Amino acid sequence: MRQRINGIEVWTGNLSAHVLPDGSILALHGAFVPHETVLPTQGNPR
């Protein structure tokens, strides 16, 4: 599954990747992790 949350693409499933609008990977996980715990920029838009 793929979602877009506040401009950030989030893939959930076996692999969860959080990609910033500039294409850089913020976090890469082997299992689903709630995006609130892996978005240090949340509330501080770039």
PDB file of N, CA and C in Angstrom:
ATOM      1  N   MET A   1       0.837  -1.189   0.000  1.00  0.00           N
ATOM      2  CA  MET A   1       0.000   0.000   0.000  1.00  0.00           C
ATOM      3  C   MET A   1       0.876   1.244   0.000  1.00  0.00           C
ATOM      4  N   ARG A   2       0.427   2.276  -0.728  1.00  0.00           N
ATOM      5  CA  ARG A   2       1.193   3.515  -0.782  1.00  0.00           C
ATOM      6  C   ARG A   2       0.283   4.686  -0.437  1.00  0.00           C
ATOM      7  N   GLN A   3       0.742   5.536   0.450  1.00  0.00           N
ATOM      8  CA  GLN A   3      -0.037   6.694   0.847  1.00  0.00           C
ATOM      9  C   GLN A   3       0.814   7.943   0.710  1.00  0.00           C
ATOM     10  N   ARG A   4       0.149   9.091   0.590  1.00  0.00           N
ATOM     11  CA  ARG A   4       0.881  10.360   0.621  1.00  0.00           C
ATOM     12  C   ARG A   4       0.372  11.143   1.824  1.00  0.00           C
ATOM     13  N   ILE A   5       1.263  11.379   2.775  1.00  0.00           N
ATOM     14  CA  ILE A   5       0.908  12.079   4.007  1.00  0.00           C
ATOM     15  C   ILE A   5       1.712  13.364   4.082  1.00  0.00           C
ATOM     16  N   ASN A   6       1.015  14.502   4.015  1.00  0.00           N
ATOM     17  CA  ASN A   6       1.689  15.802   4.091  1.00  0.00           C
ATOM     18  C   ASN A   6       2.841  15.899   3.096  1.00  0.00           C
ATOM     19  N   GLY A   7       2.632  15.377   1.870  1.00  0.00           N
ATOM     20  CA  GLY A   7       3.651  15.488   0.836  1.00  0.00           C
ATOM     21  C   GLY A   7       4.729  14.433   0.919  1.00  0.00           C
ATOM     22  N   ILE A   8       4.597  13.502   1.879  1.00  0.00           N
ATOM     23  CA  ILE A   8       5.616  12.463   2.030  1.00  0.00           C
ATOM     24  C   ILE A   8       5.001  11.129   1.627  1.00  0.00           C
ATOM     25  N   GLU A   9       5.661  10.434   0.720  1.00  0.00           N
ATOM     26  CA  GLU A   9       5.134   9.143   0.294  1.00  0.00           C
ATOM     27  C   GLU A   9       5.512   8.076   1.311  1.00  0.00           C
ATOM     28  N   VAL A  10       4.528   7.276   1.694  1.00  0.00           N
ATOM     29  CA  VAL A  10       4.750   6.242   2.700  1.00  0.00           C
ATOM     30  C   VAL A  10       4.313   4.902   2.119  1.00  0.00           C
ATOM     31  N   TRP A  11       5.211   3.953   2.106  1.00  0.00           N
ATOM     32  CA  TRP A  11       4.879   2.601   1.684  1.00  0.00           C
ATOM     33  C   TRP A  11       4.764   1.743   2.941  1.00  0.00           C
ATOM     34  N   THR A  12       3.681   0.963   3.027  1.00  0.00           N
ATOM     35  CA  THR A  12       3.512   0.081   4.171  1.00  0.00           C
ATOM     36  C   THR A  12       3.370  -1.352   3.689  1.00  0.00           C
ATOM     37  N   GLY A  13       3.756  -2.289   4.528  1.00  0.00           N
ATOM     38  CA  GLY A  13       3.746  -3.694   4.155  1.00  0.00           C
ATOM     39  C   GLY A  13       5.025  -4.328   4.645  1.00  0.00           C
ATOM     40  N   ASN A  14       5.635  -5.202   3.828  1.00  0.00           N
ATOM     41  CA  ASN A  14       6.890  -5.828   4.213  1.00  0.00           C
ATOM     42  C   ASN A  14       8.002  -4.798   4.331  1.00  0.00           C
ATOM     43  N   LEU A  15       7.874  -3.720   3.560  1.00  0.00           N
ATOM     44  CA  LEU A  15       8.901  -2.682   3.583  1.00  0.00           C
ATOM     45  C   LEU A  15       8.218  -1.325   3.683  1.00  0.00           C
ATOM     46  N   SER A  16       8.686  -0.519   4.619  1.00  0.00           N
ATOM     47  CA  SER A  16       8.097   0.804   4.798  1.00  0.00           C
ATOM     48  C   SER A  16       9.171   1.850   4.567  1.00  0.00           C
ATOM     49  N   ALA A  17       8.989   2.692   3.555  1.00  0.00           N
ATOM     50  CA  ALA A  17       9.978   3.713   3.232  1.00  0.00           C
ATOM     51  C   ALA A  17       9.326   5.085   3.285  1.00  0.00           C
ATOM     52  N   HIS A  18      10.028   6.015   3.882  1.00  0.00           N
ATOM     53  CA  HIS A  18       9.529   7.378   3.981  1.00  0.00           C
ATOM     54  C   HIS A  18      10.443   8.249   3.133  1.00  0.00           C
ATOM     55  N   VAL A  19       9.881   8.823   2.081  1.00  0.00           N
ATOM     56  CA  VAL A  19      10.691   9.572   1.123  1.00  0.00           C
ATOM     57  C   VAL A  19      10.273  11.039   1.144  1.00  0.00           C
ATOM     58  N   LEU A  20      11.245  11.905   1.333  1.00  0.00           N
ATOM     59  CA  LEU A  20      10.970  13.335   1.350  1.00  0.00           C
ATOM     60  C   LEU A  20      10.723  13.838  -0.069  1.00  0.00           C
ATOM     61  N   PRO A  21      10.059  14.989  -0.206  1.00  0.00           N
ATOM     62  CA  PRO A  21       9.737  15.517  -1.538  1.00  0.00           C
ATOM     63  C   PRO A  21      10.956  15.655  -2.445  1.00  0.00           C
ATOM     64  N   ASP A  22      12.149  15.817  -1.886  1.00  0.00           N
ATOM     65  CA  ASP A  22      13.343  15.942  -2.722  1.00  0.00           C
ATOM     66  C   ASP A  22      13.891  14.580  -3.142  1.00  0.00           C
ATOM     67  N   GLY A  23      13.212  13.496  -2.718  1.00  0.00           N
ATOM     68  CA  GLY A  23      13.601  12.157  -3.146  1.00  0.00           C
ATOM     69  C   GLY A  23      14.537  11.454  -2.190  1.00  0.00           C
ATOM     70  N   SER A  24      14.933  12.121  -1.107  1.00  0.00           N
ATOM     71  CA  SER A  24      15.824  11.466  -0.155  1.00  0.00           C
ATOM     72  C   SER A  24      15.020  10.565   0.777  1.00  0.00           C
ATOM     73  N   ILE A  25      15.641   9.492   1.206  1.00  0.00           N
ATOM     74  CA  ILE A  25      14.968   8.553   2.097  1.00  0.00           C
ATOM     75  C   ILE A  25      15.165   9.006   3.538  1.00  0.00           C
ATOM     76  N   LEU A  26      14.049   9.203   4.237  1.00  0.00           N
ATOM     77  CA  LEU A  26      14.106   9.630   5.628  1.00  0.00           C
ATOM     78  C   LEU A  26      14.302   8.420   6.541  1.00  0.00           C
ATOM     79  N   ALA A  27      13.580   7.349   6.255  1.00  0.00           N
ATOM     80  CA  ALA A  27      13.685   6.160   7.089  1.00  0.00           C
ATOM     81  C   ALA A  27      13.325   4.930   6.267  1.00  0.00           C
ATOM     82  N   LEU A  28      13.958   3.827   6.577  1.00  0.00           N
ATOM     83  CA  LEU A  28      13.683   2.581   5.874  1.00  0.00           C
ATOM     84  C   LEU A  28      13.524   1.481   6.917  1.00  0.00           C
ATOM     85  N   HIS A  29      12.401   0.764   6.856  1.00  0.00           N
ATOM     86  CA  HIS A  29      12.089  -0.231   7.872  1.00  0.00           C
ATOM     87  C   HIS A  29      11.706  -1.549   7.214  1.00  0.00           C
ATOM     88  N   GLY A  30      11.955  -2.624   7.905  1.00  0.00           N
ATOM     89  CA  GLY A  30      11.596  -3.935   7.399  1.00  0.00           C
ATOM     90  C   GLY A  30      10.169  -4.310   7.730  1.00  0.00           C
ATOM     91  N   ALA A  31       9.506  -3.502   8.539  1.00  0.00           N
ATOM     92  CA  ALA A  31       8.123  -3.757   8.913  1.00  0.00           C
ATOM     93  C   ALA A  31       7.420  -2.418   9.092  1.00  0.00           C
ATOM     94  N   PHE A  32       6.098  -2.457   9.106  1.00  0.00           N
ATOM     95  CA  PHE A  32       5.356  -1.209   9.236  1.00  0.00           C
ATOM     96  C   PHE A  32       5.654  -0.526  10.568  1.00  0.00           C
ATOM     97  N   VAL A  33       5.909   0.783  10.482  1.00  0.00           N
ATOM     98  CA  VAL A  33       6.112   1.593  11.681  1.00  0.00           C
ATOM     99  C   VAL A  33       5.248   2.838  11.532  1.00  0.00           C
ATOM    100  N   PRO A  34       4.458   3.162  12.534  1.00  0.00           N
ATOM    101  CA  PRO A  34       3.615   4.357  12.437  1.00  0.00           C
ATOM    102  C   PRO A  34       4.452   5.572  12.068  1.00  0.00           C
ATOM    103  N   HIS A  35       3.979   6.352  11.076  1.00  0.00           N
ATOM    104  CA  HIS A  35       4.797   7.438  10.553  1.00  0.00           C
ATOM    105  C   HIS A  35       5.092   8.496  11.609  1.00  0.00           C
ATOM    106  N   GLU A  36       4.268   8.577  12.651  1.00  0.00           N
ATOM    107  CA  GLU A  36       4.510   9.582  13.681  1.00  0.00           C
ATOM    108  C   GLU A  36       5.840   9.361  14.386  1.00  0.00           C
ATOM    109  N   THR A  37       6.303   8.103  14.407  1.00  0.00           N
ATOM    110  CA  THR A  37       7.514   7.788  15.159  1.00  0.00           C
ATOM    111  C   THR A  37       8.772   7.945  14.325  1.00  0.00           C
ATOM    112  N   VAL A  38       8.630   8.168  13.015  1.00  0.00           N
ATOM    113  CA  VAL A  38       9.810   8.198  12.156  1.00  0.00           C
ATOM    114  C   VAL A  38       9.885   9.456  11.293  1.00  0.00           C
ATOM    115  N   LEU A  39       9.109  10.489  11.667  1.00  0.00           N
ATOM    116  CA  LEU A  39       9.143  11.729  10.908  1.00  0.00           C
ATOM    117  C   LEU A  39       9.600  12.878  11.807  1.00  0.00           C
ATOM    118  N   PRO A  40      10.889  13.021  11.988  1.00  0.00           N
ATOM    119  CA  PRO A  40      11.391  14.084  12.856  1.00  0.00           C
ATOM    120  C   PRO A  40      11.044  15.476  12.340  1.00  0.00           C
ATOM    121  N   THR A  41      10.681  15.583  11.056  1.00  0.00           N
ATOM    122  CA  THR A  41      10.359  16.888  10.489  1.00  0.00           C
ATOM    123  C   THR A  41       8.876  17.195  10.596  1.00  0.00           C
ATOM    124  N   GLN A  42       8.114  16.290  11.213  1.00  0.00           N
ATOM    125  CA  GLN A  42       6.673  16.514  11.317  1.00  0.00           C
ATOM    126  C   GLN A  42       6.413  17.792  12.120  1.00  0.00           C
ATOM    127  N   GLY A  43       5.557  18.661  11.597  1.00  0.00           N
ATOM    128  CA  GLY A  43       5.267  19.913  12.264  1.00  0.00           C
ATOM    129  C   GLY A  43       6.288  20.985  11.936  1.00  0.00           C
ATOM    130  N   ASN A  44       7.295  20.620  11.123  1.00  0.00           N
ATOM    131  CA  ASN A  44       8.337  21.564  10.728  1.00  0.00           C
ATOM    132  C   ASN A  44       8.564  21.413   9.231  1.00  0.00           C
ATOM    133  N   PRO A  45       7.603  21.904   8.419  1.00  0.00           N
ATOM    134  CA  PRO A  45       7.685  21.708   6.958  1.00  0.00           C
ATOM    135  C   PRO A  45       8.968  22.260   6.367  1.00  0.00           C
ATOM    136  N   ARG A  46       9.502  21.557   5.351  1.00  0.00           N
ATOM    137  CA  ARG A  46      10.711  22.018   4.679  1.00  0.00           C
ATOM    138  C   ARG A  46      10.314  22.993   3.583  1.00  0.00           C
TER     139      ARG A  46
END
